[in-house]
PDB file of N, CA and C in Angstrom:
ATOM      1  N   UNK A   1       1.374 -28.731   3.269  1.00  0.00           N
ATOM      2  CA  UNK A   1       2.434 -27.558   2.150  1.00  0.00           C
ATOM      3  C   UNK A   1       1.535 -27.890   0.794  1.00  0.00           C
ATOM      4  N   UNK A   2       0.437 -26.802  -0.005  1.00  0.00           N
ATOM      5  CA  UNK A   2      -0.532 -27.138  -0.952  1.00  0.00           C
ATOM      6  C   UNK A   2       0.629 -26.865  -1.854  1.00  0.00           C
ATOM      7  N   UNK A   3      -0.200 -27.387  -3.475  1.00  0.00           N
ATOM      8  CA  UNK A   3       0.854 -26.457  -4.054  1.00  0.00           C
ATOM      9  C   UNK A   3       0.204 -25.824  -4.965  1.00  0.00           C
ATOM     10  N   UNK A   4      -0.549 -25.384  -4.680  1.00  0.00           N
ATOM     11  CA  UNK A   4      -1.755 -24.766  -4.727  1.00  0.00           C
ATOM     12  C   UNK A   4      -1.167 -23.213  -5.540  1.00  0.00           C
ATOM     13  N   UNK A   5      -1.654 -23.171  -6.575  1.00  0.00           N
ATOM     14  CA  UNK A   5      -0.333 -21.833  -7.118  1.00  0.00           C
ATOM     15  C   UNK A   5      -1.108 -20.536  -6.605  1.00  0.00           C
ATOM     16  N   UNK A   6      -2.526 -20.734  -5.781  1.00  0.00           N
ATOM     17  CA  UNK A   6      -2.574 -18.957  -5.356  1.00  0.00           C
ATOM     18  C   UNK A   6      -1.966 -18.428  -3.624  1.00  0.00           C
ATOM     19  N   UNK A   7      -1.946 -19.656  -3.558  1.00  0.00           N
ATOM     20  CA  UNK A   7      -0.794 -18.850  -2.073  1.00  0.00           C
ATOM     21  C   UNK A   7       0.398 -18.791  -3.072  1.00  0.00           C
ATOM     22  N   UNK A   8       1.547 -19.150  -3.724  1.00  0.00           N
ATOM     23  CA  UNK A   8       2.214 -18.220  -4.313  1.00  0.00           C
ATOM     24  C   UNK A   8       2.159 -17.258  -4.965  1.00  0.00           C
ATOM     25  N   UNK A   9       1.135 -17.045  -6.115  1.00  0.00           N
ATOM     26  CA  UNK A   9       1.230 -16.195  -7.275  1.00  0.00           C
ATOM     27  C   UNK A   9      -0.254 -15.698  -6.763  1.00  0.00           C
ATOM     28  N   UNK A  10      -0.877 -14.841  -6.234  1.00  0.00           N
ATOM     29  CA  UNK A  10      -2.133 -14.445  -6.441  1.00  0.00           C
ATOM     30  C   UNK A  10      -3.072 -14.061  -7.534  1.00  0.00           C
ATOM     31  N   UNK A  11      -3.948 -14.452  -7.509  1.00  0.00           N
ATOM     32  CA  UNK A  11      -4.460 -14.176  -8.560  1.00  0.00           C
ATOM     33  C   UNK A  11      -4.594 -12.843  -9.231  1.00  0.00           C
ATOM     34  N   UNK A  12      -4.172 -12.343 -10.433  1.00  0.00           N
ATOM     35  CA  UNK A  12      -4.839 -10.750 -10.740  1.00  0.00           C
ATOM     36  C   UNK A  12      -3.517 -10.376 -10.508  1.00  0.00           C
ATOM     37  N   UNK A  13      -2.601 -10.550  -9.434  1.00  0.00           N
ATOM     38  CA  UNK A  13      -1.487  -9.824  -9.174  1.00  0.00           C
ATOM     39  C   UNK A  13      -0.376 -10.040 -10.046  1.00  0.00           C
ATOM     40  N   UNK A  14       0.197  -8.856 -10.031  1.00  0.00           N
ATOM     41  CA  UNK A  14       2.307  -8.710 -10.805  1.00  0.00           C
ATOM     42  C   UNK A  14       3.115  -9.280  -9.915  1.00  0.00           C
ATOM     43  N   UNK A  15       3.978  -9.628  -9.714  1.00  0.00           N
ATOM     44  CA  UNK A  15       5.025  -9.973  -9.067  1.00  0.00           C
ATOM     45  C   UNK A  15       5.426  -8.708  -8.586  1.00  0.00           C
ATOM     46  N   UNK A  16       6.112  -8.595  -7.259  1.00  0.00           N
ATOM     47  CA  UNK A  16       6.467  -6.926  -6.730  1.00  0.00           C
ATOM     48  C   UNK A  16       7.921  -7.003  -6.804  1.00  0.00           C
ATOM     49  N   UNK A  17       8.343  -8.571  -6.699  1.00  0.00           N
ATOM     50  CA  UNK A  17      10.332  -8.338  -7.335  1.00  0.00           C
ATOM     51  C   UNK A  17      10.537  -9.742  -8.466  1.00  0.00           C
ATOM     52  N   UNK A  18      11.364  -9.706  -8.779  1.00  0.00           N
ATOM     53  CA  UNK A  18      12.324 -10.209  -9.760  1.00  0.00           C
ATOM     54  C   UNK A  18      13.784 -11.133  -9.063  1.00  0.00           C
ATOM     55  N   UNK A  19      13.451 -12.323  -9.570  1.00  0.00           N
ATOM     56  CA  UNK A  19      14.583 -12.962  -8.991  1.00  0.00           C
ATOM     57  C   UNK A  19      15.533 -14.026 -10.190  1.00  0.00           C
ATOM     58  N   UNK A  20      17.116 -13.392 -10.374  1.00  0.00           N
ATOM     59  CA  UNK A  20      17.682 -13.124 -10.651  1.00  0.00           C
ATOM     60  C   UNK A  20      18.842 -14.341 -10.342  1.00  0.00           C
ATOM     61  N   UNK A  21      19.580 -14.816 -11.479  1.00  0.00           N
ATOM     62  CA  UNK A  21      20.912 -15.395 -10.877  1.00  0.00           C
ATOM     63  C   UNK A  21      22.424 -15.436 -11.565  1.00  0.00           C
ATOM     64  N   UNK A  22      22.812 -15.034 -10.886  1.00  0.00           N
ATOM     65  CA  UNK A  22      23.837 -13.476 -11.211  1.00  0.00           C
ATOM     66  C   UNK A  22      25.446 -14.139 -11.024  1.00  0.00           C
ATOM     67  N   UNK A  23      25.835 -14.599 -11.793  1.00  0.00           N
ATOM     68  CA  UNK A  23      26.974 -15.212 -12.099  1.00  0.00           C
ATOM     69  C   UNK A  23      28.350 -14.105 -13.267  1.00  0.00           C
ATOM     70  N   UNK A  24      29.260 -14.522 -11.915  1.00  0.00           N
ATOM     71  CA  UNK A  24      30.410 -13.085 -11.840  1.00  0.00           C
ATOM     72  C   UNK A  24      31.348 -13.341 -13.195  1.00  0.00           C
ATOM     73  N   UNK A  25      32.086 -12.803 -13.790  1.00  0.00           N
ATOM     74  CA  UNK A  25      33.408 -13.330 -14.803  1.00  0.00           C
ATOM     75  C   UNK A  25      33.875 -11.900 -14.387  1.00  0.00           C
ATOM     76  N   UNK A  26      35.003 -13.408 -14.477  1.00  0.00           N
ATOM     77  CA  UNK A  26      35.760 -11.756 -14.579  1.00  0.00           C
ATOM     78  C   UNK A  26      36.893 -10.826 -15.675  1.00  0.00           C
ATOM     79  N   UNK A  27      36.727 -10.011 -15.057  1.00  0.00           N
ATOM     80  CA  UNK A  27      37.161  -8.257 -16.028  1.00  0.00           C
ATOM     81  C   UNK A  27      35.464  -7.894 -16.411  1.00  0.00           C
ATOM     82  N   UNK A  28      34.930  -8.444 -16.149  1.00  0.00           N
ATOM     83  CA  UNK A  28      33.331  -8.293 -16.655  1.00  0.00           C
ATOM     84  C   UNK A  28      31.789  -7.651 -15.894  1.00  0.00           C
ATOM     85  N   UNK A  29      31.262  -6.973 -15.991  1.00  0.00           N
ATOM     86  CA  UNK A  29      30.208  -7.155 -15.164  1.00  0.00           C
ATOM     87  C   UNK A  29      29.330  -8.698 -15.650  1.00  0.00           C
ATOM     88  N   UNK A  30      28.586  -8.701 -13.862  1.00  0.00           N
ATOM     89  CA  UNK A  30      27.798 -10.508 -13.684  1.00  0.00           C
ATOM     90  C   UNK A  30      27.206 -10.687 -14.727  1.00  0.00           C
ATOM     91  N   UNK A  31      26.983 -12.101 -15.056  1.00  0.00           N
ATOM     92  CA  UNK A  31      25.194 -12.011 -15.916  1.00  0.00           C
ATOM     93  C   UNK A  31      24.181 -12.812 -15.488  1.00  0.00           C
ATOM     94  N   UNK A  32      23.159 -11.921 -15.920  1.00  0.00           N
ATOM     95  CA  UNK A  32      21.881 -11.724 -14.727  1.00  0.00           C
ATOM     96  C   UNK A  32      21.324 -11.838 -15.571  1.00  0.00           C
ATOM     97  N   UNK A  33      20.636 -13.864 -15.484  1.00  0.00           N
ATOM     98  CA  UNK A  33      19.510 -14.191 -15.768  1.00  0.00           C
ATOM     99  C   UNK A  33      18.302 -14.146 -15.484  1.00  0.00           C
ATOM    100  N   UNK A  34      16.532 -13.904 -15.698  1.00  0.00           N
ATOM    101  CA  UNK A  34      16.171 -14.149 -14.309  1.00  0.00           C
ATOM    102  C   UNK A  34      15.418 -15.788 -14.461  1.00  0.00           C
ATOM    103  N   UNK A  35      15.652 -15.772 -13.212  1.00  0.00           N
ATOM    104  CA  UNK A  35      15.119 -17.270 -13.331  1.00  0.00           C
ATOM    105  C   UNK A  35      13.434 -17.303 -12.324  1.00  0.00           C
ATOM    106  N   UNK A  36      12.635 -16.450 -11.851  1.00  0.00           N
ATOM    107  CA  UNK A  36      12.170 -16.428 -11.065  1.00  0.00           C
ATOM    108  C   UNK A  36      11.165 -15.131 -10.687  1.00  0.00           C
ATOM    109  N   UNK A  37      10.337 -15.139  -9.651  1.00  0.00           N
ATOM    110  CA  UNK A  37       9.377 -13.690  -8.845  1.00  0.00           C
ATOM    111  C   UNK A  37       9.103 -13.981  -8.074  1.00  0.00           C
ATOM    112  N   UNK A  38       8.850 -12.685  -7.117  1.00  0.00           N
ATOM    113  CA  UNK A  38       8.637 -13.125  -5.895  1.00  0.00           C
ATOM    114  C   UNK A  38       6.910 -11.674  -5.640  1.00  0.00           C
ATOM    115  N   UNK A  39       6.402 -12.174  -4.385  1.00  0.00           N
ATOM    116  CA  UNK A  39       5.130 -11.074  -4.174  1.00  0.00           C
ATOM    117  C   UNK A  39       5.063 -11.431  -2.485  1.00  0.00           C
ATOM    118  N   UNK A  40       5.452 -10.320  -2.662  1.00  0.00           N
ATOM    119  CA  UNK A  40       5.147  -9.971  -1.247  1.00  0.00           C
ATOM    120  C   UNK A  40       3.777 -10.571  -0.542  1.00  0.00           C
ATOM    121  N   UNK A  41       3.872 -10.335   0.863  1.00  0.00           N
ATOM    122  CA  UNK A  41       3.262 -10.807   1.697  1.00  0.00           C
ATOM    123  C   UNK A  41       2.935  -9.720   2.244  1.00  0.00           C
ATOM    124  N   UNK A  42       0.641  -9.995   2.654  1.00  0.00           N
ATOM    125  CA  UNK A  42       0.256  -9.194   2.956  1.00  0.00           C
ATOM    126  C   UNK A  42       0.352  -8.433   3.526  1.00  0.00           C
ATOM    127  N   UNK A  43       1.180  -8.804   4.961  1.00  0.00           N
ATOM    128  CA  UNK A  43       1.499  -8.409   5.795  1.00  0.00           C
ATOM    129  C   UNK A  43       2.698  -7.898   5.857  1.00  0.00           C
ATOM    130  N   UNK A  44       2.886  -7.754   4.607  1.00  0.00           N
ATOM    131  CA  UNK A  44       4.323  -7.017   4.228  1.00  0.00           C
ATOM    132  C   UNK A  44       5.269  -7.311   5.079  1.00  0.00           C
ATOM    133  N   UNK A  45       5.063  -8.563   5.719  1.00  0.00           N
ATOM    134  CA  UNK A  45       6.648  -9.416   6.849  1.00  0.00           C
ATOM    135  C   UNK A  45       7.499 -10.541   6.059  1.00  0.00           C
ATOM    136  N   UNK A  46       7.064 -10.399   4.397  1.00  0.00           N
ATOM    137  CA  UNK A  46       8.319 -12.065   3.691  1.00  0.00           C
ATOM    138  C   UNK A  46       7.958 -11.400   2.314  1.00  0.00           C
ATOM    139  N   UNK A  47       7.804 -12.811   1.749  1.00  0.00           N
ATOM    140  CA  UNK A  47       7.507 -13.228   0.254  1.00  0.00           C
ATOM    141  C   UNK A  47       7.650 -14.207   0.092  1.00  0.00           C
ATOM    142  N   UNK A  48       6.119 -14.866  -1.125  1.00  0.00           N
ATOM    143  CA  UNK A  48       6.638 -16.285  -2.031  1.00  0.00           C
ATOM    144  C   UNK A  48       7.161 -14.973  -2.735  1.00  0.00           C
ATOM    145  N   UNK A  49       8.505 -16.556  -3.193  1.00  0.00           N
ATOM    146  CA  UNK A  49       9.113 -17.011  -4.615  1.00  0.00           C
ATOM    147  C   UNK A  49       8.948 -18.285  -4.848  1.00  0.00           C
ATOM    148  N   UNK A  50       8.750 -17.488  -6.479  1.00  0.00           N
ATOM    149  CA  UNK A  50       8.448 -18.893  -7.258  1.00  0.00           C
ATOM    150  C   UNK A  50       9.754 -19.507  -7.447  1.00  0.00           C
ATOM    151  N   UNK A  51      10.959 -20.104  -8.261  1.00  0.00           N
ATOM    152  CA  UNK A  51      11.692 -20.100  -9.362  1.00  0.00           C
ATOM    153  C   UNK A  51      11.052 -20.758 -10.173  1.00  0.00           C
ATOM    154  N   UNK A  52      11.719 -21.214 -11.334  1.00  0.00           N
ATOM    155  CA  UNK A  52      11.548 -21.995 -12.413  1.00  0.00           C
ATOM    156  C   UNK A  52      13.002 -22.363 -12.424  1.00  0.00           C
ATOM    157  N   UNK A  53      14.008 -22.374 -11.967  1.00  0.00           N
ATOM    158  CA  UNK A  53      15.867 -22.861 -11.522  1.00  0.00           C
ATOM    159  C   UNK A  53      15.570 -22.848 -10.422  1.00  0.00           C
ATOM    160  N   UNK A  54      16.397 -23.797  -9.971  1.00  0.00           N
ATOM    161  CA  UNK A  54      17.570 -23.622  -9.162  1.00  0.00           C
ATOM    162  C   UNK A  54      19.024 -23.488  -9.305  1.00  0.00           C
ATOM    163  N   UNK A  55      20.129 -21.987  -9.233  1.00  0.00           N
ATOM    164  CA  UNK A  55      20.982 -22.361  -9.291  1.00  0.00           C
ATOM    165  C   UNK A  55      22.020 -23.017  -8.254  1.00  0.00           C
ATOM    166  N   UNK A  56      23.009 -23.436  -9.200  1.00  0.00           N
ATOM    167  CA  UNK A  56      23.865 -24.205  -8.687  1.00  0.00           C
ATOM    168  C   UNK A  56      25.131 -23.279  -8.261  1.00  0.00           C
ATOM    169  N   UNK A  57      25.417 -22.102  -8.839  1.00  0.00           N
ATOM    170  CA  UNK A  57      26.852 -21.422  -8.806  1.00  0.00           C
ATOM    171  C   UNK A  57      26.202 -20.019  -8.480  1.00  0.00           C
ATOM    172  N   UNK A  58      26.840 -19.155  -8.413  1.00  0.00           N
ATOM    173  CA  UNK A  58      26.620 -17.644  -8.273  1.00  0.00           C
ATOM    174  C   UNK A  58      25.803 -17.014  -7.232  1.00  0.00           C
ATOM    175  N   UNK A  59      25.110 -16.364  -7.198  1.00  0.00           N
ATOM    176  CA  UNK A  59      24.159 -15.880  -5.787  1.00  0.00           C
ATOM    177  C   UNK A  59      22.501 -15.363  -7.404  1.00  0.00           C
ATOM    178  N   UNK A  60      21.835 -15.626  -5.754  1.00  0.00           N
ATOM    179  CA  UNK A  60      20.486 -15.468  -6.450  1.00  0.00           C
ATOM    180  C   UNK A  60      19.948 -13.352  -6.376  1.00  0.00           C
ATOM    181  N   UNK A  61      18.941 -12.786  -6.527  1.00  0.00           N
ATOM    182  CA  UNK A  61      19.057 -11.769  -6.144  1.00  0.00           C
ATOM    183  C   UNK A  61      18.200 -11.482  -7.272  1.00  0.00           C
ATOM    184  N   UNK A  62      16.891 -10.400  -5.593  1.00  0.00           N
ATOM    185  CA  UNK A  62      15.707  -9.928  -5.406  1.00  0.00           C
ATOM    186  C   UNK A  62      15.840  -8.733  -6.295  1.00  0.00           C
ATOM    187  N   UNK A  63      15.560  -7.810  -6.737  1.00  0.00           N
ATOM    188  CA  UNK A  63      15.105  -6.883  -7.713  1.00  0.00           C
ATOM    189  C   UNK A  63      13.645  -6.405  -7.376  1.00  0.00           C
ATOM    190  N   UNK A  64      13.163  -5.344  -7.264  1.00  0.00           N
ATOM    191  CA  UNK A  64      11.918  -4.191  -7.871  1.00  0.00           C
ATOM    192  C   UNK A  64      11.875  -4.772  -8.632  1.00  0.00           C
ATOM    193  N   UNK A  65      10.220  -4.705  -9.393  1.00  0.00           N
ATOM    194  CA  UNK A  65      10.160  -5.211 -10.762  1.00  0.00           C
ATOM    195  C   UNK A  65       9.728  -3.856 -11.252  1.00  0.00           C
ATOM    196  N   UNK A  66      10.759  -3.579 -12.824  1.00  0.00           N
ATOM    197  CA  UNK A  66      10.423  -2.148 -12.836  1.00  0.00           C
ATOM    198  C   UNK A  66      10.219  -2.566 -15.023  1.00  0.00           C
ATOM    199  N   UNK A  67       9.321  -3.628 -14.735  1.00  0.00           N
ATOM    200  CA  UNK A  67       9.477  -4.086 -16.336  1.00  0.00           C
ATOM    201  C   UNK A  67       8.144  -3.584 -16.593  1.00  0.00           C
ATOM    202  N   UNK A  68       8.314  -2.603 -17.788  1.00  0.00           N
ATOM    203  CA  UNK A  68       6.786  -2.525 -18.348  1.00  0.00           C
ATOM    204  C   UNK A  68       6.115  -3.412 -19.535  1.00  0.00           C
ATOM    205  N   UNK A  69       4.407  -3.299 -18.694  1.00  0.00           N
ATOM    206  CA  UNK A  69       3.206  -4.249 -19.382  1.00  0.00           C
ATOM    207  C   UNK A  69       2.980  -3.620 -20.528  1.00  0.00           C
ATOM    208  N   UNK A  70       3.572  -3.095 -21.567  1.00  0.00           N
ATOM    209  CA  UNK A  70       2.567  -2.500 -23.366  1.00  0.00           C
ATOM    210  C   UNK A  70       2.035  -3.329 -23.491  1.00  0.00           C
TER     211      UNK A  70
END
């Protein structure tokens, strides 16, 4: 396996999904922290995921990237 970043993040392409660490809080909404991104494979059968951190608790949620880059 190579550490070449072009395998996980194609040049010039934005991620299709954003990875969030979600921690549940009693009586409140979960606390979401952005921890990485994901790119769909060109064949549509999987994803490359690049995480900046790996959470020890809670869960990881992948969401479609809807951020506006103005």
